[in-house]
C-alpha atoms as a PDB file:
ATOM      1  CA  MET A   1      -1.200 284.409 173.681  1.00  0.00           C
ATOM      2  CA  ASP A   2      -1.083 286.056 170.262  1.00  0.00           C
ATOM      3  CA  ARG A   3      -3.700 285.640 167.556  1.00  0.00           C
ATOM      4  CA  TYR A   4      -1.972 282.879 165.593  1.00  0.00           C
ATOM      5  CA  ALA A   5      -1.246 280.881 168.740  1.00  0.00           C
ATOM      6  CA  ARG A   6      -4.961 281.174 169.657  1.00  0.00           C
ATOM      7  CA  TRP A   7      -5.989 280.051 166.182  1.00  0.00           C
ATOM      8  CA  HIS A   8      -3.749 277.011 166.385  1.00  0.00           C
ATOM      9  CA  ALA A   9      -5.098 276.156 169.843  1.00  0.00           C
ATOM     10  CA  LEU A  10      -8.695 276.543 168.644  1.00  0.00           C
ATOM     11  CA  VAL A  11      -8.141 274.347 165.597  1.00  0.00           C
ATOM     12  CA  GLU A  12      -6.522 271.668 167.775  1.00  0.00           C
ATOM     13  CA  LEU A  13      -9.375 271.914 170.289  1.00  0.00           C
ATOM     14  CA  LEU A  14     -11.997 271.513 167.567  1.00  0.00           C
ATOM     15  CA  SER A  15     -10.073 268.650 166.026  1.00  0.00           C
ATOM     16  CA  GLU A  16     -10.132 266.831 169.381  1.00  0.00           C
ATOM     17  CA  ARG A  17     -13.705 267.608 170.451  1.00  0.00           C
ATOM     18  CA  GLY A  18     -15.612 268.172 167.220  1.00  0.00           C
ATOM     19  CA  GLN A  19     -17.633 271.088 168.603  1.00  0.00           C
ATOM     20  CA  VAL A  20     -16.832 273.941 171.002  1.00  0.00           C
ATOM     21  CA  THR A  21     -18.894 276.845 172.304  1.00  0.00           C
ATOM     22  CA  VAL A  22     -17.586 280.384 172.561  1.00  0.00           C
ATOM     23  CA  GLU A  23     -17.866 280.196 176.342  1.00  0.00           C
ATOM     24  CA  GLU A  24     -15.883 276.934 176.536  1.00  0.00           C
ATOM     25  CA  ALA A  25     -13.139 278.211 174.227  1.00  0.00           C
ATOM     26  CA  ALA A  26     -12.807 281.499 176.113  1.00  0.00           C
ATOM     27  CA  SER A  27     -12.452 279.648 179.393  1.00  0.00           C
ATOM     28  CA  ARG A  28      -9.940 277.177 177.934  1.00  0.00           C
ATOM     29  CA  LEU A  29      -7.720 279.887 176.410  1.00  0.00           C
ATOM     30  CA  GLY A  30      -8.172 282.487 179.139  1.00  0.00           C
ATOM     31  CA  VAL A  31      -9.434 285.267 176.845  1.00  0.00           C
ATOM     32  CA  SER A  32     -12.687 287.155 176.427  1.00  0.00           C
ATOM     33  CA  GLN A  33     -15.697 285.721 174.608  1.00  0.00           C
ATOM     34  CA  ALA A  34     -15.549 288.681 172.210  1.00  0.00           C
ATOM     35  CA  THR A  35     -12.023 287.663 171.222  1.00  0.00           C
ATOM     36  CA  ILE A  36     -13.111 284.073 170.600  1.00  0.00           C
ATOM     37  CA  ARG A  37     -16.059 285.229 168.470  1.00  0.00           C
ATOM     38  CA  ARG A  38     -13.667 287.244 166.286  1.00  0.00           C
ATOM     39  CA  ASP A  39     -11.287 284.294 166.040  1.00  0.00           C
ATOM     40  CA  PHE A  40     -14.093 281.924 165.078  1.00  0.00           C
ATOM     41  CA  ASP A  41     -15.373 284.365 162.445  1.00  0.00           C
ATOM     42  CA  GLN A  42     -11.903 284.768 160.907  1.00  0.00           C
ATOM     43  CA  LEU A  43     -11.201 281.039 160.901  1.00  0.00           C
ATOM     44  CA  ALA A  44     -14.602 280.388 159.311  1.00  0.00           C
ATOM     45  CA  GLU A  45     -13.903 282.969 156.592  1.00  0.00           C
ATOM     46  CA  GLN A  46     -10.811 280.953 155.671  1.00  0.00           C
ATOM     47  CA  GLN A  47     -12.858 277.718 155.706  1.00  0.00           C
ATOM     48  CA  LEU A  48     -10.746 276.243 158.498  1.00  0.00           C
ATOM     49  CA  ILE A  49     -13.828 275.693 160.701  1.00  0.00           C
ATOM     50  CA  THR A  50     -17.604 275.932 160.422  1.00  0.00           C
ATOM     51  CA  ARG A  51     -19.295 278.631 162.491  1.00  0.00           C
ATOM     52  CA  THR A  52     -22.437 277.761 164.468  1.00  0.00           C
ATOM     53  CA  ARG A  53     -24.759 279.758 166.683  1.00  0.00           C
ATOM     54  CA  GLY A  54     -22.800 280.182 169.892  1.00  0.00           C
ATOM     55  CA  GLY A  55     -19.676 278.338 168.783  1.00  0.00           C
ATOM     56  CA  ALA A  56     -18.023 276.326 166.005  1.00  0.00           C
ATOM     57  CA  ILE A  57     -17.773 272.762 164.736  1.00  0.00           C
ATOM     58  CA  ALA A  58     -14.931 270.836 163.151  1.00  0.00           C
ATOM     59  CA  SER A  59     -16.608 270.241 159.812  1.00  0.00           C
ATOM     60  CA  GLY A  60     -13.726 269.791 157.416  1.00  0.00           C
ATOM     61  CA  VAL A  61     -11.239 271.096 159.962  1.00  0.00           C
ATOM     62  CA  SER A  62      -7.611 270.080 159.733  1.00  0.00           C
ATOM     63  CA  ALA A  63      -5.362 269.794 162.767  1.00  0.00           C
ATOM     64  CA  ASP A  64      -2.721 271.903 161.042  1.00  0.00           C
ATOM     65  CA  LEU A  65      -2.982 275.569 160.169  1.00  0.00           C
ATOM     66  CA  PRO A  66      -1.441 276.911 156.966  1.00  0.00           C
ATOM     67  CA  LEU A  67       2.310 277.346 157.356  1.00  0.00           C
ATOM     68  CA  HIS A  68       2.301 281.145 157.344  1.00  0.00           C
ATOM     69  CA  TYR A  69      -0.009 281.108 160.389  1.00  0.00           C
ATOM     70  CA  LYS A  70       2.289 278.782 162.305  1.00  0.00           C
ATOM     71  CA  THR A  71       5.458 280.834 162.025  1.00  0.00           C
ATOM     72  CA  ALA A  72       4.744 282.966 165.093  1.00  0.00           C
ATOM     73  CA  ARG A  73       4.253 279.981 167.405  1.00  0.00           C
ATOM     74  CA  PHE A  74       7.373 279.128 169.457  1.00  0.00           C
ATOM     75  CA  SER A  75       9.418 281.206 167.003  1.00  0.00           C
ATOM     76  CA  ALA A  76      12.373 281.788 169.349  1.00  0.00           C
ATOM     77  CA  GLU A  77      12.574 278.100 170.236  1.00  0.00           C
ATOM     78  CA  LYS A  78      12.399 277.095 166.579  1.00  0.00           C
ATOM     79  CA  ARG A  79      15.237 279.462 165.676  1.00  0.00           C
ATOM     80  CA  ARG A  80      17.442 277.913 168.352  1.00  0.00           C
ATOM     81  CA  ILE A  81      16.493 274.420 167.224  1.00  0.00           C
ATOM     82  CA  GLY A  82      17.271 275.382 163.628  1.00  0.00           C
ATOM     83  CA  GLN A  83      20.717 276.646 164.544  1.00  0.00           C
ATOM     84  CA  ALA A  84      21.528 273.546 166.602  1.00  0.00           C
ATOM     85  CA  ALA A  85      20.349 271.194 163.850  1.00  0.00           C
ATOM     86  CA  ALA A  86      22.236 273.104 161.153  1.00  0.00           C
ATOM     87  CA  ALA A  87      25.426 272.654 163.179  1.00  0.00           C
ATOM     88  CA  LEU A  88      25.100 268.889 162.590  1.00  0.00           C
ATOM     89  CA  VAL A  89      25.496 269.373 158.824  1.00  0.00           C
ATOM     90  CA  GLU A  90      28.989 269.058 157.369  1.00  0.00           C
ATOM     91  CA  PRO A  91      30.102 270.390 153.953  1.00  0.00           C
ATOM     92  CA  GLY A  92      29.559 267.965 151.115  1.00  0.00           C
ATOM     93  CA  LEU A  93      26.679 266.045 152.676  1.00  0.00           C
ATOM     94  CA  VAL A  94      23.433 265.125 150.937  1.00  0.00           C
ATOM     95  CA  VAL A  95      20.725 266.415 153.267  1.00  0.00           C
ATOM     96  CA  GLY A  96      16.989 265.743 153.080  1.00  0.00           C
ATOM     97  CA  LEU A  97      14.644 268.431 154.418  1.00  0.00           C
ATOM     98  CA  ASN A  98      10.870 268.289 154.574  1.00  0.00           C
ATOM     99  CA  GLY A  99       8.551 271.270 154.981  1.00  0.00           C
ATOM    100  CA  GLY A 100       7.511 273.062 158.141  1.00  0.00           C
ATOM    101  CA  THR A 101       8.342 276.046 160.287  1.00  0.00           C
ATOM    102  CA  THR A 102      11.172 274.359 162.190  1.00  0.00           C
ATOM    103  CA  THR A 103      12.892 272.954 159.097  1.00  0.00           C
ATOM    104  CA  THR A 104      12.583 276.416 157.547  1.00  0.00           C
ATOM    105  CA  GLU A 105      14.692 277.691 160.446  1.00  0.00           C
ATOM    106  CA  VAL A 106      17.187 274.881 159.781  1.00  0.00           C
ATOM    107  CA  ALA A 107      17.429 275.988 156.153  1.00  0.00           C
ATOM    108  CA  ARG A 108      17.912 279.629 157.128  1.00  0.00           C
ATOM    109  CA  ALA A 109      20.661 278.680 159.575  1.00  0.00           C
ATOM    110  CA  LEU A 110      22.408 276.646 156.875  1.00  0.00           C
ATOM    111  CA  VAL A 111      22.248 279.553 154.446  1.00  0.00           C
ATOM    112  CA  ARG A 112      24.015 281.771 157.014  1.00  0.00           C
ATOM    113  CA  ARG A 113      26.903 279.330 157.516  1.00  0.00           C
ATOM    114  CA  PRO A 114      30.034 280.747 155.833  1.00  0.00           C
ATOM    115  CA  ASP A 115      31.859 277.409 155.901  1.00  0.00           C
ATOM    116  CA  LEU A 116      29.476 276.061 153.264  1.00  0.00           C
ATOM    117  CA  ASP A 117      30.840 278.520 150.673  1.00  0.00           C
ATOM    118  CA  GLU A 118      33.845 278.368 148.350  1.00  0.00           C
ATOM    119  CA  GLY A 119      36.670 276.025 149.266  1.00  0.00           C
ATOM    120  CA  GLN A 120      34.398 273.325 150.663  1.00  0.00           C
ATOM    121  CA  PRO A 121      32.646 270.403 148.970  1.00  0.00           C
ATOM    122  CA  PRO A 122      29.186 271.550 147.867  1.00  0.00           C
ATOM    123  CA  LEU A 123      26.136 270.725 149.934  1.00  0.00           C
ATOM    124  CA  THR A 124      23.233 268.909 148.261  1.00  0.00           C
ATOM    125  CA  VAL A 125      19.734 269.580 149.594  1.00  0.00           C
ATOM    126  CA  VAL A 126      16.904 267.217 148.675  1.00  0.00           C
ATOM    127  CA  THR A 127      13.479 268.546 149.603  1.00  0.00           C
ATOM    128  CA  ASN A 128       9.811 268.201 148.779  1.00  0.00           C
ATOM    129  CA  ALA A 129       9.015 271.716 150.065  1.00  0.00           C
ATOM    130  CA  LEU A 130       8.986 274.689 147.699  1.00  0.00           C
ATOM    131  CA  ASN A 131       9.741 277.238 150.416  1.00  0.00           C
ATOM    132  CA  ILE A 132      12.752 275.230 151.618  1.00  0.00           C
ATOM    133  CA  ALA A 133      14.169 275.146 148.079  1.00  0.00           C
ATOM    134  CA  ASN A 134      13.592 278.885 147.840  1.00  0.00           C
ATOM    135  CA  GLU A 135      15.668 279.513 150.977  1.00  0.00           C
ATOM    136  CA  PHE A 136      18.757 278.098 149.237  1.00  0.00           C
ATOM    137  CA  LEU A 137      18.410 279.925 145.906  1.00  0.00           C
ATOM    138  CA  ALA A 138      20.910 282.616 146.946  1.00  0.00           C
ATOM    139  CA  ARG A 139      23.578 279.981 147.657  1.00  0.00           C
ATOM    140  CA  SER A 140      25.029 279.109 144.260  1.00  0.00           C
ATOM    141  CA  ARG A 141      27.239 276.400 145.773  1.00  0.00           C
ATOM    142  CA  VAL A 142      24.248 274.426 147.086  1.00  0.00           C
ATOM    143  CA  LYS A 143      22.785 271.829 144.752  1.00  0.00           C
ATOM    144  CA  ILE A 144      18.998 271.817 145.160  1.00  0.00           C
ATOM    145  CA  VAL A 145      16.968 268.731 144.267  1.00  0.00           C
ATOM    146  CA  VAL A 146      13.185 269.085 144.497  1.00  0.00           C
ATOM    147  CA  ALA A 147      10.935 266.036 144.655  1.00  0.00           C
ATOM    148  CA  GLY A 148       7.794 266.662 142.631  1.00  0.00           C
ATOM    149  CA  GLY A 149       4.184 265.878 143.333  1.00  0.00           C
ATOM    150  CA  VAL A 150       0.910 267.547 144.218  1.00  0.00           C
ATOM    151  CA  LEU A 151       1.248 270.784 146.179  1.00  0.00           C
ATOM    152  CA  ARG A 152      -0.220 271.083 149.670  1.00  0.00           C
ATOM    153  CA  PRO A 153      -0.801 274.844 150.096  1.00  0.00           C
ATOM    154  CA  ARG A 154      -0.854 274.545 153.900  1.00  0.00           C
ATOM    155  CA  SER A 155       2.764 273.403 154.103  1.00  0.00           C
ATOM    156  CA  TYR A 156       4.165 274.198 150.618  1.00  0.00           C
ATOM    157  CA  GLU A 157       5.072 270.507 150.387  1.00  0.00           C
ATOM    158  CA  LEU A 158       4.789 268.335 147.285  1.00  0.00           C
ATOM    159  CA  VAL A 159       3.344 264.887 147.972  1.00  0.00           C
ATOM    160  CA  GLY A 160       2.362 261.782 146.060  1.00  0.00           C
ATOM    161  CA  PRO A 161       3.927 259.029 143.927  1.00  0.00           C
ATOM    162  CA  LEU A 162       5.774 261.373 141.551  1.00  0.00           C
ATOM    163  CA  GLY A 163       7.997 262.715 144.305  1.00  0.00           C
ATOM    164  CA  MET A 164       8.264 259.401 146.092  1.00  0.00           C
ATOM    165  CA  GLY A 165       9.705 257.855 142.938  1.00  0.00           C
ATOM    166  CA  LEU A 166      12.555 260.371 142.959  1.00  0.00           C
ATOM    167  CA  LEU A 167      13.242 259.986 146.673  1.00  0.00           C
ATOM    168  CA  GLN A 168      13.483 256.218 146.314  1.00  0.00           C
ATOM    169  CA  GLU A 169      16.348 256.680 143.840  1.00  0.00           C
ATOM    170  CA  VAL A 170      18.617 258.842 146.039  1.00  0.00           C
ATOM    171  CA  THR A 171      20.735 258.222 149.119  1.00  0.00           C
ATOM    172  CA  LEU A 172      20.757 260.804 151.919  1.00  0.00           C
ATOM    173  CA  ASP A 173      23.592 261.233 154.374  1.00  0.00           C
ATOM    174  CA  LEU A 174      21.218 262.988 156.718  1.00  0.00           C
ATOM    175  CA  ALA A 175      17.437 263.397 156.865  1.00  0.00           C
ATOM    176  CA  LEU A 176      16.441 266.483 158.879  1.00  0.00           C
ATOM    177  CA  LEU A 177      12.712 266.245 159.436  1.00  0.00           C
ATOM    178  CA  GLY A 178      10.110 268.345 161.165  1.00  0.00           C
ATOM    179  CA  VAL A 179       7.131 266.447 162.598  1.00  0.00           C
ATOM    180  CA  ASP A 180       3.723 267.179 164.093  1.00  0.00           C
ATOM    181  CA  ALA A 181       4.300 264.757 166.961  1.00  0.00           C
ATOM    182  CA  ILE A 182       6.924 262.424 168.346  1.00  0.00           C
ATOM    183  CA  ASP A 183       6.492 259.854 171.089  1.00  0.00           C
ATOM    184  CA  VAL A 184       8.819 257.150 172.389  1.00  0.00           C
ATOM    185  CA  VAL A 185       6.200 254.425 171.892  1.00  0.00           C
ATOM    186  CA  LEU A 186       4.257 255.714 168.872  1.00  0.00           C
ATOM    187  CA  GLY A 187       7.208 257.229 167.019  1.00  0.00           C
ATOM    188  CA  ALA A 188       7.248 260.308 164.787  1.00  0.00           C
ATOM    189  CA  ALA A 189       4.058 261.293 162.968  1.00  0.00           C
ATOM    190  CA  ALA A 190       2.357 263.914 160.806  1.00  0.00           C
ATOM    191  CA  HIS A 191      -1.250 265.045 160.547  1.00  0.00           C
ATOM    192  CA  HIS A 192      -1.353 264.466 156.767  1.00  0.00           C
ATOM    193  CA  GLU A 193      -0.815 260.980 155.365  1.00  0.00           C
ATOM    194  CA  GLY A 194       0.761 262.256 152.132  1.00  0.00           C
ATOM    195  CA  GLU A 195       3.409 264.227 153.997  1.00  0.00           C
ATOM    196  CA  ALA A 196       4.073 261.265 156.292  1.00  0.00           C
ATOM    197  CA  ALA A 197       4.594 258.962 153.297  1.00  0.00           C
ATOM    198  CA  MET A 198       7.172 261.319 151.751  1.00  0.00           C
ATOM    199  CA  ASN A 199       8.950 261.670 155.080  1.00  0.00           C
ATOM    200  CA  ARG A 200       8.957 257.902 155.560  1.00  0.00           C
ATOM    201  CA  VAL A 201      10.815 257.440 152.270  1.00  0.00           C
ATOM    202  CA  MET A 202      13.399 260.033 153.370  1.00  0.00           C
ATOM    203  CA  VAL A 203      13.926 258.067 156.578  1.00  0.00           C
ATOM    204  CA  ASP A 204      14.371 254.840 154.619  1.00  0.00           C
ATOM    205  CA  ARG A 205      16.910 256.454 152.277  1.00  0.00           C
ATOM    206  CA  ALA A 206      18.967 258.184 155.004  1.00  0.00           C
ATOM    207  CA  ARG A 207      22.090 257.042 156.815  1.00  0.00           C
ATOM    208  CA  ARG A 208      21.146 259.223 159.807  1.00  0.00           C
ATOM    209  CA  VAL A 209      17.798 260.662 160.876  1.00  0.00           C
ATOM    210  CA  VAL A 210      17.450 263.880 162.872  1.00  0.00           C
ATOM    211  CA  ILE A 211      14.036 265.032 164.086  1.00  0.00           C
ATOM    212  CA  VAL A 212      13.577 268.721 164.866  1.00  0.00           C
ATOM    213  CA  ALA A 213      10.621 269.377 167.167  1.00  0.00           C
ATOM    214  CA  ASP A 214       9.839 271.978 169.792  1.00  0.00           C
ATOM    215  CA  ALA A 215       8.775 270.829 173.261  1.00  0.00           C
ATOM    216  CA  SER A 216       5.059 271.016 172.422  1.00  0.00           C
ATOM    217  CA  LYS A 217       5.448 268.101 169.957  1.00  0.00           C
ATOM    218  CA  LEU A 218       7.014 265.666 172.436  1.00  0.00           C
ATOM    219  CA  GLY A 219       4.770 262.943 173.836  1.00  0.00           C
ATOM    220  CA  ARG A 220       2.040 263.842 171.354  1.00  0.00           C
ATOM    221  CA  HIS A 221       0.442 261.745 168.633  1.00  0.00           C
ATOM    222  CA  ALA A 222      -0.744 262.505 165.108  1.00  0.00           C
ATOM    223  CA  PHE A 223      -2.690 260.614 162.460  1.00  0.00           C
ATOM    224  CA  ALA A 224      -0.008 259.240 160.118  1.00  0.00           C
ATOM    225  CA  ARG A 225       3.147 257.518 161.306  1.00  0.00           C
ATOM    226  CA  ILE A 226       6.507 258.488 159.817  1.00  0.00           C
ATOM    227  CA  CYS A 227       8.883 256.171 161.637  1.00  0.00           C
ATOM    228  CA  ALA A 228       9.578 254.427 164.921  1.00  0.00           C
ATOM    229  CA  ALA A 229      11.585 256.169 167.622  1.00  0.00           C
ATOM    230  CA  GLU A 230      14.275 253.501 167.153  1.00  0.00           C
ATOM    231  CA  GLN A 231      14.907 254.829 163.638  1.00  0.00           C
ATOM    232  CA  VAL A 232      15.719 258.307 164.963  1.00  0.00           C
ATOM    233  CA  ASP A 233      19.377 258.999 165.701  1.00  0.00           C
ATOM    234  CA  THR A 234      19.008 262.508 167.129  1.00  0.00           C
ATOM    235  CA  LEU A 235      16.146 264.629 168.440  1.00  0.00           C
ATOM    236  CA  VAL A 236      16.757 268.379 168.507  1.00  0.00           C
ATOM    237  CA  THR A 237      14.275 270.165 170.758  1.00  0.00           C
ATOM    238  CA  ASP A 238      14.246 273.188 173.080  1.00  0.00           C
ATOM    239  CA  THR A 239      15.103 273.644 176.745  1.00  0.00           C
ATOM    240  CA  GLY A 240      11.413 273.663 177.668  1.00  0.00           C
ATOM    241  CA  ALA A 241      11.157 269.937 176.964  1.00  0.00           C
ATOM    242  CA  ASP A 242       9.811 267.773 179.803  1.00  0.00           C
ATOM    243  CA  PRO A 243      12.823 266.080 181.483  1.00  0.00           C
ATOM    244  CA  ASP A 244      10.885 262.827 181.755  1.00  0.00           C
ATOM    245  CA  GLN A 245      10.219 262.885 178.008  1.00  0.00           C
ATOM    246  CA  VAL A 246      13.881 263.607 177.303  1.00  0.00           C
ATOM    247  CA  ALA A 247      14.985 260.757 179.575  1.00  0.00           C
ATOM    248  CA  ALA A 248      12.585 258.359 177.857  1.00  0.00           C
ATOM    249  CA  PHE A 249      14.008 259.169 174.426  1.00  0.00           C
ATOM    250  CA  GLU A 250      17.550 258.777 175.697  1.00  0.00           C
ATOM    251  CA  ARG A 251      16.693 255.367 177.167  1.00  0.00           C
ATOM    252  CA  ALA A 252      15.389 254.413 173.731  1.00  0.00           C
ATOM    253  CA  GLY A 253      18.813 255.217 172.272  1.00  0.00           C
ATOM    254  CA  VAL A 254      17.933 258.622 170.817  1.00  0.00           C
ATOM    255  CA  ARG A 255      20.479 261.391 171.323  1.00  0.00           C
ATOM    256  CA  VAL A 256      18.654 264.510 172.552  1.00  0.00           C
ATOM    257  CA  ILE A 257      19.962 268.034 171.971  1.00  0.00           C
ATOM    258  CA  ALA A 258      18.098 270.790 173.861  1.00  0.00           C
ATOM    259  CA  ALA A 259      18.728 274.173 172.244  1.00  0.00           C
END
């Protein structure tokens, strides 16, 4: 397990339990106590946790790490998911993309598609994520629409009523959304309520909804609901997904693509 994967696991553990000792964390992650002490110290320096004598507490902790710390986690799976999801996009569509590491891979896969260049109807990308918009800047044939709002530095997403007002005035052919969790019963969800609200408007304004989520997100829950599973047309995940989870989504009428 690399450093960023450990950090994510530690933040999730603290979010669930509130307080963890060095000994408990080392046992849970299968690493040395010296490694955990260094991880705790570095996370505390970035104000992601609060260090205590012999451990750490979840004072002010968020369940999501900043985006640039997440990129190394399941990177190969996310690239495959991104390529599979990008293949669902046809020239000329209006596509909504939210922020996140997996949707970033979708954007990068779209940028590499030669069939979206000259001779085809232009693609329109509607996003509330600054880094997603930046991915398309080199493609002059792509129309980029950015929903405004208040910036969340962790995800580079803009949230709030300013951006929601814009999203409510557009129609999307396809909403391609990354999530923090998706469950057949509880639906798709995000850790942050502002992000979930923006995503929920995209779902409402879309003809089709595609969720991109690696296997670790399936069967999980998060704080703020985005939409019900019944509102999802397609789930693009990786081949490590639990077959029982996949079968449950398919029974609910969700098409599942394992990349």
